[in-house]
Amino acid sequence: FRIVKGKIRENGEGKKNRIPVVYLKKISGSM
């Protein structure tokens, strides 16, 4: 949670970056 002058925003409220995935490789059960 980022706080500036008493105001707080949960992570993820900013602009979304969206990038096409060229290739996806599974490297573990969760990643």
Full PDB file with SEQRES, HELIX, SHEET, SSBOND, CRYST1, ORIGX, SCALE, CONECT and MASTER records, all heavy atoms in Angstrom:
SEQRES   1 A   31  PHE ARG ILE VAL LYS GLY LYS ILE ARG GLU ASN GLY GLU          
SEQRES   2 A   31  GLY LYS LYS ASN ARG ILE PRO VAL VAL TYR LEU LYS LYS          
SEQRES   3 A   31  ILE SER GLY SER MET                                          
SHEET    1 AA1 2 ARG A   2  VAL A   4  0                                        
SHEET    2 AA1 2 LYS A   7  ARG A   9 -1                                        
CRYST1    1.000    1.000    1.000  90.00  90.00  90.00 P 1           1          
ORIGX1      1.000000  0.000000  0.000000        0.00000                         
ORIGX2      0.000000  1.000000  0.000000        0.00000                         
ORIGX3      0.000000  0.000000  1.000000        0.00000                         
SCALE1      1.000000  0.000000  0.000000        0.00000                         
SCALE2      0.000000  1.000000  0.000000        0.00000                         
SCALE3      0.000000  0.000000  1.000000        0.00000                         
ATOM      1  N   PHE A   1       0.862  -1.177   0.000  1.00  0.00           N  
ATOM      2  CA  PHE A   1       0.000   0.000   0.000  1.00  0.00           C  
ATOM      3  C   PHE A   1       0.899   1.228   0.000  1.00  0.00           C  
ATOM      4  O   PHE A   1       1.693   1.416   0.916  1.00  0.00           O  
ATOM      5  CB  PHE A   1      -0.911   0.012   1.231  1.00  0.00           C  
ATOM      6  CG  PHE A   1      -1.716  -1.242   1.399  1.00  0.00           C  
ATOM      7  CD1 PHE A   1      -1.271  -2.246   2.252  1.00  0.00           C  
ATOM      8  CD2 PHE A   1      -2.895  -1.430   0.712  1.00  0.00           C  
ATOM      9  CE1 PHE A   1      -2.007  -3.404   2.415  1.00  0.00           C  
ATOM     10  CE2 PHE A   1      -3.630  -2.590   0.864  1.00  0.00           C  
ATOM     11  CZ  PHE A   1      -3.190  -3.583   1.717  1.00  0.00           C  
ATOM     12  N   ARG A   2       0.788   2.049  -1.031  1.00  0.00           N  
ATOM     13  CA  ARG A   2       1.623   3.241  -1.126  1.00  0.00           C  
ATOM     14  C   ARG A   2       0.872   4.432  -0.543  1.00  0.00           C  
ATOM     15  O   ARG A   2      -0.284   4.668  -0.888  1.00  0.00           O  
ATOM     16  CB  ARG A   2       2.018   3.500  -2.576  1.00  0.00           C  
ATOM     17  CG  ARG A   2       3.013   2.480  -3.099  1.00  0.00           C  
ATOM     18  CD  ARG A   2       3.462   2.834  -4.511  1.00  0.00           C  
ATOM     19  NE  ARG A   2       4.580   2.005  -4.910  1.00  0.00           N  
ATOM     20  CZ  ARG A   2       4.457   0.817  -5.491  1.00  0.00           C  
ATOM     21  NH1 ARG A   2       3.253   0.338  -5.727  1.00  0.00           N  
ATOM     22  NH2 ARG A   2       5.525   0.107  -5.823  1.00  0.00           N  
ATOM     23  N   ILE A   3       1.539   5.185   0.318  1.00  0.00           N  
ATOM     24  CA  ILE A   3       0.891   6.304   0.997  1.00  0.00           C  
ATOM     25  C   ILE A   3       1.597   7.603   0.648  1.00  0.00           C  
ATOM     26  O   ILE A   3       2.824   7.689   0.660  1.00  0.00           O  
ATOM     27  CB  ILE A   3       0.858   6.063   2.528  1.00  0.00           C  
ATOM     28  CG1 ILE A   3       0.027   7.128   3.229  1.00  0.00           C  
ATOM     29  CG2 ILE A   3       2.254   5.980   3.127  1.00  0.00           C  
ATOM     30  CD1 ILE A   3      -0.323   6.783   4.654  1.00  0.00           C  
ATOM     31  N   VAL A   4       0.810   8.605   0.291  1.00  0.00           N  
ATOM     32  CA  VAL A   4       1.318   9.937  -0.059  1.00  0.00           C  
ATOM     33  C   VAL A   4       0.400  10.967   0.580  1.00  0.00           C  
ATOM     34  O   VAL A   4      -0.797  10.989   0.310  1.00  0.00           O  
ATOM     35  CB  VAL A   4       1.348  10.152  -1.592  1.00  0.00           C  
ATOM     36  CG1 VAL A   4       1.854  11.548  -1.917  1.00  0.00           C  
ATOM     37  CG2 VAL A   4       2.197   9.098  -2.283  1.00  0.00           C  
ATOM     38  N   LYS A   5       0.949  11.797   1.470  1.00  0.00           N  
ATOM     39  CA  LYS A   5       0.185  12.868   2.125  1.00  0.00           C  
ATOM     40  C   LYS A   5      -1.120  12.347   2.721  1.00  0.00           C  
ATOM     41  O   LYS A   5      -2.185  12.957   2.545  1.00  0.00           O  
ATOM     42  CB  LYS A   5      -0.088  14.003   1.148  1.00  0.00           C  
ATOM     43  CG  LYS A   5       1.171  14.724   0.673  1.00  0.00           C  
ATOM     44  CD  LYS A   5       0.845  15.870  -0.270  1.00  0.00           C  
ATOM     45  CE  LYS A   5       2.107  16.589  -0.720  1.00  0.00           C  
ATOM     46  NZ  LYS A   5       1.818  17.691  -1.669  1.00  0.00           N  
ATOM     47  N   GLY A   6      -1.044  11.217   3.389  1.00  0.00           N  
ATOM     48  CA  GLY A   6      -2.212  10.687   4.088  1.00  0.00           C  
ATOM     49  C   GLY A   6      -3.207   9.953   3.232  1.00  0.00           C  
ATOM     50  O   GLY A   6      -4.231   9.478   3.725  1.00  0.00           O  
ATOM     51  N   LYS A   7      -2.929   9.833   1.944  1.00  0.00           N  
ATOM     52  CA  LYS A   7      -3.803   9.086   1.049  1.00  0.00           C  
ATOM     53  C   LYS A   7      -3.101   7.796   0.648  1.00  0.00           C  
ATOM     54  O   LYS A   7      -1.903   7.808   0.364  1.00  0.00           O  
ATOM     55  CB  LYS A   7      -4.157   9.903  -0.200  1.00  0.00           C  
ATOM     56  CG  LYS A   7      -4.990  11.131   0.083  1.00  0.00           C  
ATOM     57  CD  LYS A   7      -5.329  11.866  -1.205  1.00  0.00           C  
ATOM     58  CE  LYS A   7      -6.177  13.095  -0.938  1.00  0.00           C  
ATOM     59  NZ  LYS A   7      -6.511  13.834  -2.192  1.00  0.00           N  
ATOM     60  N   ILE A   8      -3.843   6.732   0.596  1.00  0.00           N  
ATOM     61  CA  ILE A   8      -3.217   5.436   0.343  1.00  0.00           C  
ATOM     62  C   ILE A   8      -3.929   4.726  -0.792  1.00  0.00           C  
ATOM     63  O   ILE A   8      -5.142   4.821  -0.943  1.00  0.00           O  
ATOM     64  CB  ILE A   8      -3.229   4.580   1.631  1.00  0.00           C  
ATOM     65  CG1 ILE A   8      -2.173   3.493   1.571  1.00  0.00           C  
ATOM     66  CG2 ILE A   8      -4.600   4.021   1.932  1.00  0.00           C  
ATOM     67  CD1 ILE A   8      -1.890   2.881   2.922  1.00  0.00           C  
ATOM     68  N   ARG A   9      -3.113   4.059  -1.589  1.00  0.00           N  
ATOM     69  CA  ARG A   9      -3.662   3.288  -2.699  1.00  0.00           C  
ATOM     70  C   ARG A   9      -3.112   1.880  -2.653  1.00  0.00           C  
ATOM     71  O   ARG A   9      -1.906   1.691  -2.467  1.00  0.00           O  
ATOM     72  CB  ARG A   9      -3.272   3.927  -4.036  1.00  0.00           C  
ATOM     73  CG  ARG A   9      -3.901   5.267  -4.287  1.00  0.00           C  
ATOM     74  CD  ARG A   9      -3.611   5.749  -5.699  1.00  0.00           C  
ATOM     75  NE  ARG A   9      -2.206   6.077  -5.904  1.00  0.00           N  
ATOM     76  CZ  ARG A   9      -1.709   6.454  -7.074  1.00  0.00           C  
ATOM     77  NH1 ARG A   9      -2.501   6.522  -8.129  1.00  0.00           N  
ATOM     78  NH2 ARG A   9      -0.443   6.738  -7.206  1.00  0.00           N  
ATOM     79  N   GLU A  10      -3.981   0.895  -2.825  1.00  0.00           N  
ATOM     80  CA  GLU A  10      -3.496  -0.479  -2.886  1.00  0.00           C  
ATOM     81  C   GLU A  10      -2.777  -0.669  -4.208  1.00  0.00           C  
ATOM     82  O   GLU A  10      -3.129  -0.070  -5.224  1.00  0.00           O  
ATOM     83  CB  GLU A  10      -4.657  -1.477  -2.776  1.00  0.00           C  
ATOM     84  CG  GLU A  10      -4.202  -2.914  -2.706  1.00  0.00           C  
ATOM     85  CD  GLU A  10      -5.333  -3.876  -2.422  1.00  0.00           C  
ATOM     86  OE1 GLU A  10      -6.414  -3.438  -2.019  1.00  0.00           O  
ATOM     87  OE2 GLU A  10      -5.115  -5.073  -2.630  1.00  0.00           O  
ATOM     88  N   ASN A  11      -1.757  -1.522  -4.180  1.00  0.00           N  
ATOM     89  CA  ASN A  11      -1.011  -1.820  -5.401  1.00  0.00           C  
ATOM     90  C   ASN A  11      -1.960  -2.225  -6.521  1.00  0.00           C  
ATOM     91  O   ASN A  11      -2.913  -2.965  -6.309  1.00  0.00           O  
ATOM     92  CB  ASN A  11      -0.037  -2.967  -5.140  1.00  0.00           C  
ATOM     93  CG  ASN A  11       1.358  -2.612  -5.555  1.00  0.00           C  
ATOM     94  OD1 ASN A  11       1.699  -1.450  -5.654  1.00  0.00           O  
ATOM     95  ND2 ASN A  11       2.169  -3.610  -5.787  1.00  0.00           N  
ATOM     96  N   GLY A  12      -1.691  -1.746  -7.714  1.00  0.00           N  
ATOM     97  CA  GLY A  12      -2.479  -2.199  -8.850  1.00  0.00           C  
ATOM     98  C   GLY A  12      -3.517  -1.202  -9.310  1.00  0.00           C  
ATOM     99  O   GLY A  12      -4.272  -1.485 -10.222  1.00  0.00           O  
ATOM    100  N   GLU A  13      -3.613  -0.026  -8.672  1.00  0.00           N  
ATOM    101  CA  GLU A  13      -4.619   0.935  -9.083  1.00  0.00           C  
ATOM    102  C   GLU A  13      -4.126   1.843 -10.206  1.00  0.00           C  
ATOM    103  O   GLU A  13      -4.879   2.636 -10.738  1.00  0.00           O  
ATOM    104  CB  GLU A  13      -5.041   1.791  -7.885  1.00  0.00           C  
ATOM    105  CG  GLU A  13      -5.818   1.007  -6.846  1.00  0.00           C  
ATOM    106  CD  GLU A  13      -6.322   1.881  -5.718  1.00  0.00           C  
ATOM    107  OE1 GLU A  13      -5.951   3.063  -5.699  1.00  0.00           O  
ATOM    108  OE2 GLU A  13      -7.060   1.375  -4.879  1.00  0.00           O  
ATOM    109  N   GLY A  14      -2.856   1.752 -10.552  1.00  0.00           N  
ATOM    110  CA  GLY A  14      -2.311   2.609 -11.589  1.00  0.00           C  
ATOM    111  C   GLY A  14      -2.577   2.063 -12.988  1.00  0.00           C  
ATOM    112  O   GLY A  14      -3.315   1.104 -13.187  1.00  0.00           O  
ATOM    113  N   LYS A  15      -1.925   2.686 -13.970  1.00  0.00           N  
ATOM    114  CA  LYS A  15      -2.069   2.269 -15.364  1.00  0.00           C  
ATOM    115  C   LYS A  15      -1.574   0.835 -15.535  1.00  0.00           C  
ATOM    116  O   LYS A  15      -0.563   0.429 -14.984  1.00  0.00           O  
ATOM    117  CB  LYS A  15      -1.247   3.207 -16.257  1.00  0.00           C  
ATOM    118  CG  LYS A  15      -1.290   2.887 -17.729  1.00  0.00           C  
ATOM    119  CD  LYS A  15      -0.333   3.779 -18.494  1.00  0.00           C  
ATOM    120  CE  LYS A  15      -0.409   3.596 -19.988  1.00  0.00           C  
ATOM    121  NZ  LYS A  15      -0.508   2.248 -20.469  1.00  0.00           N  
ATOM    122  N   LYS A  16      -2.306   0.065 -16.325  1.00  0.00           N  
ATOM    123  CA  LYS A  16      -1.912  -1.312 -16.588  1.00  0.00           C  
ATOM    124  C   LYS A  16      -1.007  -1.382 -17.813  1.00  0.00           C  
ATOM    125  O   LYS A  16      -1.331  -0.835 -18.878  1.00  0.00           O  
ATOM    126  CB  LYS A  16      -3.152  -2.185 -16.830  1.00  0.00           C  
ATOM    127  CG  LYS A  16      -4.055  -2.364 -15.623  1.00  0.00           C  
ATOM    128  CD  LYS A  16      -3.404  -3.207 -14.562  1.00  0.00           C  
ATOM    129  CE  LYS A  16      -4.353  -3.472 -13.409  1.00  0.00           C  
ATOM    130  NZ  LYS A  16      -3.735  -4.251 -12.327  1.00  0.00           N  
ATOM    131  N   ASN A  17       0.146  -2.024 -17.663  1.00  0.00           N  
ATOM    132  CA  ASN A  17       1.005  -2.338 -18.797  1.00  0.00           C  
ATOM    133  C   ASN A  17       0.596  -3.697 -19.338  1.00  0.00           C  
ATOM    134  O   ASN A  17       0.475  -4.661 -18.565  1.00  0.00           O  
ATOM    135  CB  ASN A  17       2.467  -2.377 -18.356  1.00  0.00           C  
ATOM    136  CG  ASN A  17       2.996  -1.009 -17.970  1.00  0.00           C  
ATOM    137  OD1 ASN A  17       3.199  -0.152 -18.818  1.00  0.00           O  
ATOM    138  ND2 ASN A  17       3.212  -0.793 -16.669  1.00  0.00           N  
ATOM    139  N   ARG A  18       0.375  -3.786 -20.619  1.00  0.00           N  
ATOM    140  CA  ARG A  18      -0.026  -5.054 -21.252  1.00  0.00           C  
ATOM    141  C   ARG A  18       0.894  -5.332 -22.434  1.00  0.00           C  
ATOM    142  O   ARG A  18       0.945  -4.539 -23.379  1.00  0.00           O  
ATOM    143  CB  ARG A  18      -1.486  -4.998 -21.709  1.00  0.00           C  
ATOM    144  CG  ARG A  18      -2.482  -4.858 -20.564  1.00  0.00           C  
ATOM    145  CD  ARG A  18      -3.910  -4.810 -21.065  1.00  0.00           C  
ATOM    146  NE  ARG A  18      -4.859  -4.812 -19.973  1.00  0.00           N  
ATOM    147  CZ  ARG A  18      -5.321  -3.710 -19.386  1.00  0.00           C  
ATOM    148  NH1 ARG A  18      -4.904  -2.522 -19.805  1.00  0.00           N  
ATOM    149  NH2 ARG A  18      -6.179  -3.786 -18.392  1.00  0.00           N  
ATOM    150  N   ILE A  19       1.626  -6.442 -22.355  1.00  0.00           N  
ATOM    151  CA  ILE A  19       2.621  -6.767 -23.371  1.00  0.00           C  
ATOM    152  C   ILE A  19       2.343  -8.170 -23.912  1.00  0.00           C  
ATOM    153  O   ILE A  19       2.196  -9.124 -23.128  1.00  0.00           O  
ATOM    154  CB  ILE A  19       4.040  -6.706 -22.778  1.00  0.00           C  
ATOM    155  CG1 ILE A  19       4.292  -5.314 -22.198  1.00  0.00           C  
ATOM    156  CG2 ILE A  19       5.085  -7.040 -23.830  1.00  0.00           C  
ATOM    157  CD1 ILE A  19       5.612  -5.178 -21.483  1.00  0.00           C  
ATOM    158  N   PRO A  20       2.275  -8.340 -25.242  1.00  0.00           N  
ATOM    159  CA  PRO A  20       2.046  -9.676 -25.807  1.00  0.00           C  
ATOM    160  C   PRO A  20       3.174 -10.643 -25.440  1.00  0.00           C  
ATOM    161  O   PRO A  20       4.348 -10.265 -25.445  1.00  0.00           O  
ATOM    162  CB  PRO A  20       2.013  -9.422 -27.322  1.00  0.00           C  
ATOM    163  CG  PRO A  20       1.700  -7.969 -27.466  1.00  0.00           C  
ATOM    164  CD  PRO A  20       2.321  -7.292 -26.277  1.00  0.00           C  
ATOM    165  N   VAL A  21       2.812 -11.856 -25.108  1.00  0.00           N  
ATOM    166  CA  VAL A  21       3.784 -12.897 -24.782  1.00  0.00           C  
ATOM    167  C   VAL A  21       4.178 -13.627 -26.057  1.00  0.00           C  
ATOM    168  O   VAL A  21       3.317 -14.142 -26.778  1.00  0.00           O  
ATOM    169  CB  VAL A  21       3.208 -13.895 -23.750  1.00  0.00           C  
ATOM    170  CG1 VAL A  21       4.183 -15.039 -23.509  1.00  0.00           C  
ATOM    171  CG2 VAL A  21       2.898 -13.167 -22.441  1.00  0.00           C  
ATOM    172  N   VAL A  22       5.472 -13.656 -26.332  1.00  0.00           N  
ATOM    173  CA  VAL A  22       5.970 -14.365 -27.523  1.00  0.00           C  
ATOM    174  C   VAL A  22       5.988 -15.870 -27.276  1.00  0.00           C  
ATOM    175  O   VAL A  22       5.592 -16.664 -28.127  1.00  0.00           O  
ATOM    176  CB  VAL A  22       7.385 -13.856 -27.887  1.00  0.00           C  
ATOM    177  CG1 VAL A  22       7.937 -14.650 -29.078  1.00  0.00           C  
ATOM    178  CG2 VAL A  22       7.354 -12.363 -28.197  1.00  0.00           C  
ATOM    179  N   TYR A  23       6.451 -16.255 -26.108  1.00  0.00           N  
ATOM    180  CA  TYR A  23       6.582 -17.675 -25.777  1.00  0.00           C  
ATOM    181  C   TYR A  23       6.458 -17.841 -24.267  1.00  0.00           C  
ATOM    182  O   TYR A  23       6.971 -17.021 -23.500  1.00  0.00           O  
ATOM    183  CB  TYR A  23       7.935 -18.213 -26.267  1.00  0.00           C  
ATOM    184  CG  TYR A  23       8.195 -19.663 -25.927  1.00  0.00           C  
ATOM    185  CD1 TYR A  23       7.513 -20.681 -26.593  1.00  0.00           C  
ATOM    186  CD2 TYR A  23       9.111 -20.004 -24.941  1.00  0.00           C  
ATOM    187  CE1 TYR A  23       7.739 -22.011 -26.277  1.00  0.00           C  
ATOM    188  CE2 TYR A  23       9.350 -21.327 -24.629  1.00  0.00           C  
ATOM    189  CZ  TYR A  23       8.653 -22.331 -25.293  1.00  0.00           C  
ATOM    190  OH  TYR A  23       8.876 -23.644 -24.973  1.00  0.00           O  
ATOM    191  N   LEU A  24       5.781 -18.904 -23.853  1.00  0.00           N  
ATOM    192  CA  LEU A  24       5.579 -19.159 -22.432  1.00  0.00           C  
ATOM    193  C   LEU A  24       6.128 -20.539 -22.084  1.00  0.00           C  
ATOM    194  O   LEU A  24       5.808 -21.527 -22.728  1.00  0.00           O  
ATOM    195  CB  LEU A  24       4.081 -19.095 -22.106  1.00  0.00           C  
ATOM    196  CG  LEU A  24       3.705 -18.874 -20.628  1.00  0.00           C  
ATOM    197  CD1 LEU A  24       4.133 -17.498 -20.170  1.00  0.00           C  
ATOM    198  CD2 LEU A  24       2.199 -19.040 -20.448  1.00  0.00           C  
ATOM    199  N   LYS A  25       6.973 -20.564 -21.033  1.00  0.00           N  
ATOM    200  CA  LYS A  25       7.575 -21.826 -20.614  1.00  0.00           C  
ATOM    201  C   LYS A  25       7.330 -22.040 -19.125  1.00  0.00           C  
ATOM    202  O   LYS A  25       7.625 -21.158 -18.303  1.00  0.00           O  
ATOM    203  CB  LYS A  25       9.085 -21.813 -20.888  1.00  0.00           C  
ATOM    204  CG  LYS A  25       9.808 -23.069 -20.429  1.00  0.00           C  
ATOM    205  CD  LYS A  25      11.316 -22.951 -20.673  1.00  0.00           C  
ATOM    206  CE  LYS A  25      12.045 -24.188 -20.169  1.00  0.00           C  
ATOM    207  NZ  LYS A  25      13.523 -24.057 -20.367  1.00  0.00           N  
ATOM    208  N   LYS A  26       6.802 -23.203 -18.773  1.00  0.00           N  
ATOM    209  CA  LYS A  26       6.576 -23.519 -17.362  1.00  0.00           C  
ATOM    210  C   LYS A  26       7.893 -23.939 -16.732  1.00  0.00           C  
ATOM    211  O   LYS A  26       8.590 -24.822 -17.237  1.00  0.00           O  
ATOM    212  CB  LYS A  26       5.535 -24.631 -17.228  1.00  0.00           C  
ATOM    213  CG  LYS A  26       4.964 -24.770 -15.825  1.00  0.00           C  
ATOM    214  CD  LYS A  26       3.725 -25.672 -15.824  1.00  0.00           C  
ATOM    215  CE  LYS A  26       3.085 -25.697 -14.453  1.00  0.00           C  
ATOM    216  NZ  LYS A  26       1.859 -26.541 -14.434  1.00  0.00           N  
ATOM    217  N   ILE A  27       8.264 -23.291 -15.602  1.00  0.00           N  
ATOM    218  CA  ILE A  27       9.542 -23.609 -14.967  1.00  0.00           C  
ATOM    219  C   ILE A  27       9.369 -24.258 -13.596  1.00  0.00           C  
ATOM    220  O   ILE A  27      10.331 -24.725 -13.000  1.00  0.00           O  
ATOM    221  CB  ILE A  27      10.432 -22.344 -14.832  1.00  0.00           C  
ATOM    222  CG1 ILE A  27       9.708 -21.232 -14.089  1.00  0.00           C  
ATOM    223  CG2 ILE A  27      10.870 -21.876 -16.205  1.00  0.00           C  
ATOM    224  CD1 ILE A  27      10.562 -19.991 -13.871  1.00  0.00           C  
ATOM    225  N   SER A  28       8.124 -24.299 -13.084  1.00  0.00           N  
ATOM    226  CA  SER A  28       7.823 -25.016 -11.846  1.00  0.00           C  
ATOM    227  C   SER A  28       6.315 -25.192 -11.782  1.00  0.00           C  
ATOM    228  O   SER A  28       5.596 -24.777 -12.698  1.00  0.00           O  
ATOM    229  CB  SER A  28       8.323 -24.248 -10.609  1.00  0.00           C  
ATOM    230  OG  SER A  28       7.493 -23.152 -10.335  1.00  0.00           O  
ATOM    231  N   GLY A  29       5.849 -25.766 -10.699  1.00  0.00           N  
ATOM    232  CA  GLY A  29       4.410 -25.976 -10.574  1.00  0.00           C  
ATOM    233  C   GLY A  29       3.619 -24.693 -10.468  1.00  0.00           C  
ATOM    234  O   GLY A  29       2.422 -24.673 -10.779  1.00  0.00           O  
ATOM    235  N   SER A  30       4.282 -23.609 -10.052  1.00  0.00           N  
ATOM    236  CA  SER A  30       3.567 -22.354  -9.832  1.00  0.00           C  
ATOM    237  C   SER A  30       4.087 -21.181 -10.653  1.00  0.00           C  
ATOM    238  O   SER A  30       3.499 -20.107 -10.630  1.00  0.00           O  
ATOM    239  CB  SER A  30       3.630 -21.978  -8.351  1.00  0.00           C  
ATOM    240  OG  SER A  30       4.987 -21.807  -7.948  1.00  0.00           O  
ATOM    241  N   MET A  31       5.208 -21.382 -11.394  1.00  0.00           N  
ATOM    242  CA  MET A  31       5.832 -20.261 -12.108  1.00  0.00           C  
ATOM    243  C   MET A  31       6.054 -20.579 -13.581  1.00  0.00           C  
ATOM    244  O   MET A  31       6.288 -21.723 -13.948  1.00  0.00           O  
ATOM    245  CB  MET A  31       7.165 -19.880 -11.465  1.00  0.00           C  
ATOM    246  CG  MET A  31       7.053 -19.337 -10.054  1.00  0.00           C  
ATOM    247  SD  MET A  31       8.623 -18.643  -9.443  1.00  0.00           S  
ATOM    248  CE  MET A  31       9.646 -20.108  -9.401  1.00  0.00           C  
TER     249      MET A  31                                                      
MASTER        0    0    0    0    2    0    0    6  248    1    0    3          
END                                                                             
